[in-house]
Amino acid sequence: TYLGLVISAVAAVYGTIIILQTLIQGSDVPGYPSLMSVILF
């Protein structure tokens, strides 16, 4: 339960950062290695 809450909180913060970067700097191609690392983890 606690680990799920921590991961959800980290994901929410990271998602917010991605949205802000997209709004300010525009959209770029997401990195495949980092995406796979998150999915596998």
PDB file of all heavy atoms in Angstrom:
ATOM      1  N   THR A   1       0.825  -1.209   0.000  1.00  0.00           N
ATOM      2  CA  THR A   1       0.000   0.000   0.000  1.00  0.00           C
ATOM      3  C   THR A   1       0.863   1.263   0.000  1.00  0.00           C
ATOM      4  O   THR A   1       0.661   2.183  -0.806  1.00  0.00           O
ATOM      5  CB  THR A   1      -0.933   0.010   1.220  1.00  0.00           C
ATOM      6  OG1 THR A   1      -1.751  -1.158   1.190  1.00  0.00           O
ATOM      7  CG2 THR A   1      -1.826   1.247   1.216  1.00  0.00           C
ATOM      8  N   TYR A   2       1.834   1.287   0.891  1.00  0.00           N
ATOM      9  CA  TYR A   2       2.682   2.481   1.009  1.00  0.00           C
ATOM     10  C   TYR A   2       3.528   2.692  -0.240  1.00  0.00           C
ATOM     11  O   TYR A   2       3.697   3.825  -0.714  1.00  0.00           O
ATOM     12  CB  TYR A   2       3.578   2.366   2.238  1.00  0.00           C
ATOM     13  CG  TYR A   2       2.821   2.283   3.540  1.00  0.00           C
ATOM     14  CD1 TYR A   2       3.281   1.499   4.599  1.00  0.00           C
ATOM     15  CD2 TYR A   2       1.625   2.981   3.722  1.00  0.00           C
ATOM     16  CE1 TYR A   2       2.578   1.425   5.797  1.00  0.00           C
ATOM     17  CE2 TYR A   2       0.909   2.898   4.909  1.00  0.00           C
ATOM     18  CZ  TYR A   2       1.396   2.119   5.933  1.00  0.00           C
ATOM     19  OH  TYR A   2       0.690   2.038   7.107  1.00  0.00           O
ATOM     20  N   LEU A   3       4.071   1.581  -0.793  1.00  0.00           N
ATOM     21  CA  LEU A   3       4.886   1.710  -1.989  1.00  0.00           C
ATOM     22  C   LEU A   3       4.032   2.198  -3.163  1.00  0.00           C
ATOM     23  O   LEU A   3       4.472   3.016  -3.971  1.00  0.00           O
ATOM     24  CB  LEU A   3       5.536   0.367  -2.330  1.00  0.00           C
ATOM     25  CG  LEU A   3       6.497   0.368  -3.526  1.00  0.00           C
ATOM     26  CD1 LEU A   3       7.643   1.341  -3.292  1.00  0.00           C
ATOM     27  CD2 LEU A   3       7.051  -1.039  -3.767  1.00  0.00           C
ATOM     28  N   GLY A   4       2.802   1.694  -3.239  1.00  0.00           N
ATOM     29  CA  GLY A   4       1.900   2.166  -4.287  1.00  0.00           C
ATOM     30  C   GLY A   4       1.623   3.650  -4.169  1.00  0.00           C
ATOM     31  O   GLY A   4       1.593   4.372  -5.175  1.00  0.00           O
ATOM     32  N   LEU A   5       1.433   4.126  -2.936  1.00  0.00           N
ATOM     33  CA  LEU A   5       1.208   5.558  -2.735  1.00  0.00           C
ATOM     34  C   LEU A   5       2.421   6.383  -3.136  1.00  0.00           C
ATOM     35  O   LEU A   5       2.291   7.439  -3.773  1.00  0.00           O
ATOM     36  CB  LEU A   5       0.848   5.825  -1.269  1.00  0.00           C
ATOM     37  CG  LEU A   5      -0.528   5.320  -0.795  1.00  0.00           C
ATOM     38  CD1 LEU A   5      -0.670   5.514   0.709  1.00  0.00           C
ATOM     39  CD2 LEU A   5      -1.639   6.055  -1.535  1.00  0.00           C
ATOM     40  N   VAL A   6       3.608   5.894  -2.772  1.00  0.00           N
ATOM     41  CA  VAL A   6       4.835   6.621  -3.113  1.00  0.00           C
ATOM     42  C   VAL A   6       5.015   6.684  -4.626  1.00  0.00           C
ATOM     43  O   VAL A   6       5.322   7.748  -5.194  1.00  0.00           O
ATOM     44  CB  VAL A   6       6.053   5.957  -2.447  1.00  0.00           C
ATOM     45  CG1 VAL A   6       7.355   6.559  -2.984  1.00  0.00           C
ATOM     46  CG2 VAL A   6       5.986   6.118  -0.933  1.00  0.00           C
ATOM     47  N   ILE A   7       4.843   5.535  -5.300  1.00  0.00           N
ATOM     48  CA  ILE A   7       5.016   5.504  -6.756  1.00  0.00           C
ATOM     49  C   ILE A   7       3.983   6.404  -7.429  1.00  0.00           C
ATOM     50  O   ILE A   7       4.284   7.131  -8.394  1.00  0.00           O
ATOM     51  CB  ILE A   7       4.907   4.059  -7.270  1.00  0.00           C
ATOM     52  CG1 ILE A   7       6.108   3.244  -6.798  1.00  0.00           C
ATOM     53  CG2 ILE A   7       4.832   4.031  -8.797  1.00  0.00           C
ATOM     54  CD1 ILE A   7       6.068   1.787  -7.190  1.00  0.00           C
ATOM     55  N   SER A   8       2.740   6.388  -6.918  1.00  0.00           N
ATOM     56  CA  SER A   8       1.700   7.257  -7.494  1.00  0.00           C
ATOM     57  C   SER A   8       2.057   8.728  -7.324  1.00  0.00           C
ATOM     58  O   SER A   8       1.874   9.535  -8.245  1.00  0.00           O
ATOM     59  CB  SER A   8       0.356   6.960  -6.824  1.00  0.00           C
ATOM     60  OG  SER A   8      -0.049   5.631  -7.071  1.00  0.00           O
ATOM     61  N   ALA A   9       2.581   9.075  -6.154  1.00  0.00           N
ATOM     62  CA  ALA A   9       2.957  10.463  -5.908  1.00  0.00           C
ATOM     63  C   ALA A   9       4.101  10.898  -6.821  1.00  0.00           C
ATOM     64  O   ALA A   9       4.078  11.989  -7.406  1.00  0.00           O
ATOM     65  CB  ALA A   9       3.347  10.645  -4.441  1.00  0.00           C
ATOM     66  N   VAL A  10       5.115  10.011  -6.953  1.00  0.00           N
ATOM     67  CA  VAL A  10       6.242  10.323  -7.829  1.00  0.00           C
ATOM     68  C   VAL A  10       5.769  10.445  -9.273  1.00  0.00           C
ATOM     69  O   VAL A  10       6.186  11.353 -10.012  1.00  0.00           O
ATOM     70  CB  VAL A  10       7.338   9.245  -7.705  1.00  0.00           C
ATOM     71  CG1 VAL A  10       8.421   9.453  -8.773  1.00  0.00           C
ATOM     72  CG2 VAL A  10       7.954   9.265  -6.314  1.00  0.00           C
ATOM     73  N   ALA A  11       4.857   9.553  -9.700  1.00  0.00           N
ATOM     74  CA  ALA A  11       4.337   9.606 -11.068  1.00  0.00           C
ATOM     75  C   ALA A  11       3.560  10.888 -11.311  1.00  0.00           C
ATOM     76  O   ALA A  11       3.644  11.497 -12.391  1.00  0.00           O
ATOM     77  CB  ALA A  11       3.447   8.388 -11.322  1.00  0.00           C
ATOM     78  N   ALA A  12       2.789  11.319 -10.291  1.00  0.00           N
ATOM     79  CA  ALA A  12       2.013  12.554 -10.436  1.00  0.00           C
ATOM     80  C   ALA A  12       2.937  13.762 -10.583  1.00  0.00           C
ATOM     81  O   ALA A  12       2.713  14.645 -11.426  1.00  0.00           O
ATOM     82  CB  ALA A  12       1.087  12.730  -9.237  1.00  0.00           C
ATOM     83  N   VAL A  13       3.994  13.809  -9.777  1.00  0.00           N
ATOM     84  CA  VAL A  13       4.955  14.911  -9.864  1.00  0.00           C
ATOM     85  C   VAL A  13       5.660  14.895 -11.207  1.00  0.00           C
ATOM     86  O   VAL A  13       5.815  15.935 -11.881  1.00  0.00           O
ATOM     87  CB  VAL A  13       5.980  14.822  -8.711  1.00  0.00           C
ATOM     88  CG1 VAL A  13       7.089  15.854  -8.910  1.00  0.00           C
ATOM     89  CG2 VAL A  13       5.290  15.024  -7.376  1.00  0.00           C
ATOM     90  N   TYR A  14       6.090  13.697 -11.627  1.00  0.00           N
ATOM     91  CA  TYR A  14       6.794  13.581 -12.902  1.00  0.00           C
ATOM     92  C   TYR A  14       5.869  13.965 -14.066  1.00  0.00           C
ATOM     93  O   TYR A  14       6.288  14.646 -15.014  1.00  0.00           O
ATOM     94  CB  TYR A  14       7.303  12.156 -13.084  1.00  0.00           C
ATOM     95  CG  TYR A  14       8.088  11.948 -14.356  1.00  0.00           C
ATOM     96  CD1 TYR A  14       9.329  12.551 -14.533  1.00  0.00           C
ATOM     97  CD2 TYR A  14       7.593  11.148 -15.376  1.00  0.00           C
ATOM     98  CE1 TYR A  14      10.057  12.375 -15.692  1.00  0.00           C
ATOM     99  CE2 TYR A  14       8.315  10.956 -16.549  1.00  0.00           C
ATOM    100  CZ  TYR A  14       9.547  11.568 -16.691  1.00  0.00           C
ATOM    101  OH  TYR A  14      10.269  11.393 -17.849  1.00  0.00           O
ATOM    102  N   GLY A  15       4.598  13.534 -13.985  1.00  0.00           N
ATOM    103  CA  GLY A  15       3.636  13.894 -15.033  1.00  0.00           C
ATOM    104  C   GLY A  15       3.416  15.388 -15.109  1.00  0.00           C
ATOM    105  O   GLY A  15       3.300  15.961 -16.218  1.00  0.00           O
ATOM    106  N   THR A  16       3.379  16.037 -13.963  1.00  0.00           N
ATOM    107  CA  THR A  16       3.218  17.495 -13.940  1.00  0.00           C
ATOM    108  C   THR A  16       4.396  18.196 -14.601  1.00  0.00           C
ATOM    109  O   THR A  16       4.234  19.153 -15.373  1.00  0.00           O
ATOM    110  CB  THR A  16       3.066  17.982 -12.487  1.00  0.00           C
ATOM    111  OG1 THR A  16       1.940  17.333 -11.888  1.00  0.00           O
ATOM    112  CG2 THR A  16       2.879  19.489 -12.443  1.00  0.00           C
ATOM    113  N   ILE A  17       5.606  17.671 -14.307  1.00  0.00           N
ATOM    114  CA  ILE A  17       6.807  18.259 -14.914  1.00  0.00           C
ATOM    115  C   ILE A  17       6.771  18.106 -16.427  1.00  0.00           C
ATOM    116  O   ILE A  17       7.099  19.043 -17.186  1.00  0.00           O
ATOM    117  CB  ILE A  17       8.071  17.598 -14.313  1.00  0.00           C
ATOM    118  CG1 ILE A  17       8.202  17.951 -12.827  1.00  0.00           C
ATOM    119  CG2 ILE A  17       9.315  18.013 -15.091  1.00  0.00           C
ATOM    120  CD1 ILE A  17       9.336  17.232 -12.133  1.00  0.00           C
ATOM    121  N   ILE A  18       6.363  16.930 -16.911  1.00  0.00           N
ATOM    122  CA  ILE A  18       6.295  16.688 -18.355  1.00  0.00           C
ATOM    123  C   ILE A  18       5.298  17.635 -19.016  1.00  0.00           C
ATOM    124  O   ILE A  18       5.554  18.213 -20.097  1.00  0.00           O
ATOM    125  CB  ILE A  18       5.918  15.224 -18.634  1.00  0.00           C
ATOM    126  CG1 ILE A  18       7.028  14.284 -18.167  1.00  0.00           C
ATOM    127  CG2 ILE A  18       5.621  15.003 -20.115  1.00  0.00           C
ATOM    128  CD1 ILE A  18       8.342  14.493 -18.875  1.00  0.00           C
ATOM    129  N   ILE A  19       4.135  17.821 -18.370  1.00  0.00           N
ATOM    130  CA  ILE A  19       3.124  18.731 -18.937  1.00  0.00           C
ATOM    131  C   ILE A  19       3.650  20.151 -19.022  1.00  0.00           C
ATOM    132  O   ILE A  19       3.497  20.849 -20.045  1.00  0.00           O
ATOM    133  CB  ILE A  19       1.842  18.666 -18.082  1.00  0.00           C
ATOM    134  CG1 ILE A  19       1.181  17.289 -18.227  1.00  0.00           C
ATOM    135  CG2 ILE A  19       0.864  19.768 -18.486  1.00  0.00           C
ATOM    136  CD1 ILE A  19       0.013  17.084 -17.309  1.00  0.00           C
ATOM    137  N   LEU A  20       4.308  20.617 -17.951  1.00  0.00           N
ATOM    138  CA  LEU A  20       4.853  21.979 -17.937  1.00  0.00           C
ATOM    139  C   LEU A  20       5.934  22.147 -18.994  1.00  0.00           C
ATOM    140  O   LEU A  20       5.998  23.168 -19.686  1.00  0.00           O
ATOM    141  CB  LEU A  20       5.398  22.304 -16.546  1.00  0.00           C
ATOM    142  CG  LEU A  20       4.351  22.425 -15.424  1.00  0.00           C
ATOM    143  CD1 LEU A  20       5.030  22.660 -14.082  1.00  0.00           C
ATOM    144  CD2 LEU A  20       3.370  23.560 -15.744  1.00  0.00           C
ATOM    145  N   GLN A  21       6.815  21.137 -19.119  1.00  0.00           N
ATOM    146  CA  GLN A  21       7.863  21.214 -20.132  1.00  0.00           C
ATOM    147  C   GLN A  21       7.265  21.255 -21.538  1.00  0.00           C
ATOM    148  O   GLN A  21       7.747  21.982 -22.422  1.00  0.00           O
ATOM    149  CB  GLN A  21       8.812  20.010 -20.010  1.00  0.00           C
ATOM    150  CG  GLN A  21       9.770  20.097 -18.841  1.00  0.00           C
ATOM    151  CD  GLN A  21      10.695  18.893 -18.784  1.00  0.00           C
ATOM    152  OE1 GLN A  21      10.435  17.869 -19.408  1.00  0.00           O
ATOM    153  NE2 GLN A  21      11.788  19.028 -18.040  1.00  0.00           N
ATOM    154  N   THR A  22       6.210  20.494 -21.749  1.00  0.00           N
ATOM    155  CA  THR A  22       5.554  20.477 -23.053  1.00  0.00           C
ATOM    156  C   THR A  22       4.920  21.834 -23.370  1.00  0.00           C
ATOM    157  O   THR A  22       5.015  22.339 -24.496  1.00  0.00           O
ATOM    158  CB  THR A  22       4.480  19.372 -23.085  1.00  0.00           C
ATOM    159  OG1 THR A  22       5.098  18.106 -22.816  1.00  0.00           O
ATOM    160  CG2 THR A  22       3.808  19.319 -24.461  1.00  0.00           C
ATOM    161  N   LEU A  23       4.280  22.407 -22.349  1.00  0.00           N
ATOM    162  CA  LEU A  23       3.637  23.709 -22.565  1.00  0.00           C
ATOM    163  C   LEU A  23       4.666  24.816 -22.805  1.00  0.00           C
ATOM    164  O   LEU A  23       4.428  25.743 -23.591  1.00  0.00           O
ATOM    165  CB  LEU A  23       2.770  24.069 -21.355  1.00  0.00           C
ATOM    166  CG  LEU A  23       1.524  23.194 -21.136  1.00  0.00           C
ATOM    167  CD1 LEU A  23       0.829  23.591 -19.845  1.00  0.00           C
ATOM    168  CD2 LEU A  23       0.566  23.334 -22.334  1.00  0.00           C
ATOM    169  N   ILE A  24       5.799  24.739 -22.154  1.00  0.00           N
ATOM    170  CA  ILE A  24       6.795  25.813 -22.246  1.00  0.00           C
ATOM    171  C   ILE A  24       7.740  25.594 -23.419  1.00  0.00           C
ATOM    172  O   ILE A  24       8.024  26.509 -24.197  1.00  0.00           O
ATOM    173  CB  ILE A  24       7.591  25.917 -20.930  1.00  0.00           C
ATOM    174  CG1 ILE A  24       6.640  26.300 -19.767  1.00  0.00           C
ATOM    175  CG2 ILE A  24       8.728  26.920 -21.062  1.00  0.00           C
ATOM    176  CD1 ILE A  24       7.300  26.255 -18.418  1.00  0.00           C
ATOM    177  N   GLN A  25       8.247  24.370 -23.564  1.00  0.00           N
ATOM    178  CA  GLN A  25       9.285  24.097 -24.544  1.00  0.00           C
ATOM    179  C   GLN A  25       8.762  23.382 -25.794  1.00  0.00           C
ATOM    180  O   GLN A  25       9.496  23.212 -26.760  1.00  0.00           O
ATOM    181  CB  GLN A  25      10.400  23.261 -23.920  1.00  0.00           C
ATOM    182  CG  GLN A  25      11.056  23.944 -22.730  1.00  0.00           C
ATOM    183  CD  GLN A  25      12.103  23.046 -22.073  1.00  0.00           C
ATOM    184  OE1 GLN A  25      12.319  21.931 -22.515  1.00  0.00           O
ATOM    185  NE2 GLN A  25      12.754  23.559 -21.051  1.00  0.00           N
ATOM    186  N   GLY A  26       7.529  22.919 -25.742  1.00  0.00           N
ATOM    187  CA  GLY A  26       6.991  22.175 -26.876  1.00  0.00           C
ATOM    188  C   GLY A  26       7.205  20.680 -26.694  1.00  0.00           C
ATOM    189  O   GLY A  26       7.908  20.230 -25.778  1.00  0.00           O
ATOM    190  N   SER A  27       6.628  19.868 -27.573  1.00  0.00           N
ATOM    191  CA  SER A  27       6.692  18.414 -27.464  1.00  0.00           C
ATOM    192  C   SER A  27       7.893  17.868 -28.220  1.00  0.00           C
ATOM    193  O   SER A  27       8.213  18.329 -29.315  1.00  0.00           O
ATOM    194  CB  SER A  27       5.398  17.802 -28.016  1.00  0.00           C
ATOM    195  OG  SER A  27       5.480  16.387 -27.983  1.00  0.00           O
ATOM    196  N   ASP A  28       8.567  16.900 -27.642  1.00  0.00           N
ATOM    197  CA  ASP A  28       9.645  16.222 -28.339  1.00  0.00           C
ATOM    198  C   ASP A  28       9.377  14.713 -28.321  1.00  0.00           C
ATOM    199  O   ASP A  28       8.448  14.230 -27.692  1.00  0.00           O
ATOM    200  CB  ASP A  28      11.006  16.542 -27.708  1.00  0.00           C
ATOM    201  CG  ASP A  28      11.027  16.184 -26.222  1.00  0.00           C
ATOM    202  OD1 ASP A  28       9.964  15.763 -25.712  1.00  0.00           O
ATOM    203  OD2 ASP A  28      12.079  16.318 -25.589  1.00  0.00           O
ATOM    204  N   VAL A  29      10.185  13.962 -29.024  1.00  0.00           N
ATOM    205  CA  VAL A  29      10.000  12.512 -29.098  1.00  0.00           C
ATOM    206  C   VAL A  29      10.409  11.883 -27.758  1.00  0.00           C
ATOM    207  O   VAL A  29      11.537  12.078 -27.296  1.00  0.00           O
ATOM    208  CB  VAL A  29      10.842  11.918 -30.234  1.00  0.00           C
ATOM    209  CG1 VAL A  29      10.683  10.391 -30.280  1.00  0.00           C
ATOM    210  CG2 VAL A  29      10.436  12.544 -31.554  1.00  0.00           C
ATOM    211  N   PRO A  30       9.517  11.115 -27.097  1.00  0.00           N
ATOM    212  CA  PRO A  30       9.862  10.501 -25.797  1.00  0.00           C
ATOM    213  C   PRO A  30      10.949   9.440 -25.969  1.00  0.00           C
ATOM    214  O   PRO A  30      11.015   8.767 -27.002  1.00  0.00           O
ATOM    215  CB  PRO A  30       8.546   9.898 -25.329  1.00  0.00           C
ATOM    216  CG  PRO A  30       7.756   9.663 -26.566  1.00  0.00           C
ATOM    217  CD  PRO A  30       8.145  10.775 -27.510  1.00  0.00           C
ATOM    218  N   GLY A  31      11.762   9.277 -24.953  1.00  0.00           N
ATOM    219  CA  GLY A  31      12.846   8.302 -24.996  1.00  0.00           C
ATOM    220  C   GLY A  31      12.336   6.888 -24.760  1.00  0.00           C
ATOM    221  O   GLY A  31      11.693   6.602 -23.749  1.00  0.00           O
ATOM    222  N   TYR A  32      12.650   5.983 -25.675  1.00  0.00           N
ATOM    223  CA  TYR A  32      12.202   4.594 -25.562  1.00  0.00           C
ATOM    224  C   TYR A  32      12.828   3.884 -24.357  1.00  0.00           C
ATOM    225  O   TYR A  32      12.124   3.194 -23.617  1.00  0.00           O
ATOM    226  CB  TYR A  32      12.532   3.854 -26.854  1.00  0.00           C
ATOM    227  CG  TYR A  32      12.158   2.386 -26.822  1.00  0.00           C
ATOM    228  CD1 TYR A  32      10.843   1.979 -26.979  1.00  0.00           C
ATOM    229  CD2 TYR A  32      13.133   1.410 -26.630  1.00  0.00           C
ATOM    230  CE1 TYR A  32      10.510   0.643 -26.946  1.00  0.00           C
ATOM    231  CE2 TYR A  32      12.808   0.070 -26.593  1.00  0.00           C
ATOM    232  CZ  TYR A  32      11.489  -0.313 -26.749  1.00  0.00           C
ATOM    233  OH  TYR A  32      11.173  -1.633 -26.702  1.00  0.00           O
ATOM    234  N   PRO A  33      14.144   4.004 -24.097  1.00  0.00           N
ATOM    235  CA  PRO A  33      14.738   3.302 -22.940  1.00  0.00           C
ATOM    236  C   PRO A  33      14.100   3.699 -21.614  1.00  0.00           C
ATOM    237  O   PRO A  33      13.807   2.846 -20.774  1.00  0.00           O
ATOM    238  CB  PRO A  33      16.217   3.707 -22.995  1.00  0.00           C
ATOM    239  CG  PRO A  33      16.442   4.053 -24.424  1.00  0.00           C
ATOM    240  CD  PRO A  33      15.179   4.697 -24.886  1.00  0.00           C
ATOM    241  N   SER A  34      13.896   5.017 -21.415  1.00  0.00           N
ATOM    242  CA  SER A  34      13.318   5.440 -20.147  1.00  0.00           C
ATOM    243  C   SER A  34      11.878   4.959 -20.006  1.00  0.00           C
ATOM    244  O   SER A  34      11.436   4.569 -18.918  1.00  0.00           O
ATOM    245  CB  SER A  34      13.366   6.968 -20.030  1.00  0.00           C
ATOM    246  OG  SER A  34      12.629   7.577 -21.086  1.00  0.00           O
ATOM    247  N   LEU A  35      11.136   4.934 -21.118  1.00  0.00           N
ATOM    248  CA  LEU A  35       9.759   4.456 -21.089  1.00  0.00           C
ATOM    249  C   LEU A  35       9.709   2.978 -20.718  1.00  0.00           C
ATOM    250  O   LEU A  35       8.906   2.557 -19.874  1.00  0.00           O
ATOM    251  CB  LEU A  35       9.107   4.679 -22.451  1.00  0.00           C
ATOM    252  CG  LEU A  35       7.637   4.223 -22.584  1.00  0.00           C
ATOM    253  CD1 LEU A  35       6.757   5.001 -21.630  1.00  0.00           C
ATOM    254  CD2 LEU A  35       7.162   4.388 -24.021  1.00  0.00           C
ATOM    255  N   MET A  36      10.574   2.170 -21.339  1.00  0.00           N
ATOM    256  CA  MET A  36      10.601   0.740 -21.037  1.00  0.00           C
ATOM    257  C   MET A  36      11.040   0.479 -19.602  1.00  0.00           C
ATOM    258  O   MET A  36      10.533  -0.428 -18.935  1.00  0.00           O
ATOM    259  CB  MET A  36      11.551   0.022 -22.003  1.00  0.00           C
ATOM    260  CG  MET A  36      11.005  -0.110 -23.412  1.00  0.00           C
ATOM    261  SD  MET A  36       9.432  -1.002 -23.450  1.00  0.00           S
ATOM    262  CE  MET A  36       9.930  -2.594 -22.790  1.00  0.00           C
ATOM    263  N   SER A  37      11.984   1.271 -19.088  1.00  0.00           N
ATOM    264  CA  SER A  37      12.451   1.101 -17.710  1.00  0.00           C
ATOM    265  C   SER A  37      11.303   1.304 -16.729  1.00  0.00           C
ATOM    266  O   SER A  37      11.116   0.529 -15.784  1.00  0.00           O
ATOM    267  CB  SER A  37      13.585   2.077 -17.409  1.00  0.00           C
ATOM    268  OG  SER A  37      14.697   1.829 -18.233  1.00  0.00           O
ATOM    269  N   VAL A  38      10.516   2.356 -16.966  1.00  0.00           N
ATOM    270  CA  VAL A  38       9.388   2.633 -16.078  1.00  0.00           C
ATOM    271  C   VAL A  38       8.351   1.523 -16.150  1.00  0.00           C
ATOM    272  O   VAL A  38       7.835   1.048 -15.131  1.00  0.00           O
ATOM    273  CB  VAL A  38       8.753   3.993 -16.434  1.00  0.00           C
ATOM    274  CG1 VAL A  38       7.463   4.197 -15.645  1.00  0.00           C
ATOM    275  CG2 VAL A  38       9.730   5.120 -16.142  1.00  0.00           C
ATOM    276  N   ILE A  39       8.047   1.078 -17.378  1.00  0.00           N
ATOM    277  CA  ILE A  39       7.039   0.023 -17.541  1.00  0.00           C
ATOM    278  C   ILE A  39       7.486  -1.278 -16.864  1.00  0.00           C
ATOM    279  O   ILE A  39       6.718  -1.923 -16.147  1.00  0.00           O
ATOM    280  CB  ILE A  39       6.756  -0.212 -19.043  1.00  0.00           C
ATOM    281  CG1 ILE A  39       6.049   1.004 -19.637  1.00  0.00           C
ATOM    282  CG2 ILE A  39       5.898  -1.463 -19.240  1.00  0.00           C
ATOM    283  CD1 ILE A  39       5.836   0.907 -21.137  1.00  0.00           C
ATOM    284  N   LEU A  40       8.735  -1.677 -17.092  1.00  0.00           N
ATOM    285  CA  LEU A  40       9.237  -2.912 -16.497  1.00  0.00           C
ATOM    286  C   LEU A  40       9.303  -2.816 -14.977  1.00  0.00           C
ATOM    287  O   LEU A  40       8.997  -3.778 -14.260  1.00  0.00           O
ATOM    288  CB  LEU A  40      10.616  -3.246 -17.063  1.00  0.00           C
ATOM    289  CG  LEU A  40      10.635  -3.651 -18.552  1.00  0.00           C
ATOM    290  CD1 LEU A  40      12.073  -3.825 -19.027  1.00  0.00           C
ATOM    291  CD2 LEU A  40       9.839  -4.929 -18.764  1.00  0.00           C
ATOM    292  N   PHE A  41       9.700  -1.648 -14.457  1.00  0.00           N
ATOM    293  CA  PHE A  41       9.765  -1.482 -13.006  1.00  0.00           C
ATOM    294  C   PHE A  41       8.383  -1.618 -12.383  1.00  0.00           C
ATOM    295  O   PHE A  41       8.176  -2.360 -11.421  1.00  0.00           O
ATOM    296  CB  PHE A  41      10.372  -0.118 -12.667  1.00  0.00           C
ATOM    297  CG  PHE A  41      10.287   0.227 -11.209  1.00  0.00           C
ATOM    298  CD1 PHE A  41      11.094  -0.412 -10.276  1.00  0.00           C
ATOM    299  CD2 PHE A  41       9.387   1.180 -10.748  1.00  0.00           C
ATOM    300  CE1 PHE A  41      11.005  -0.104  -8.929  1.00  0.00           C
ATOM    301  CE2 PHE A  41       9.291   1.494  -9.409  1.00  0.00           C
ATOM    302  CZ  PHE A  41      10.103   0.853  -8.491  1.00  0.00           C
TER     303      PHE A  41
END
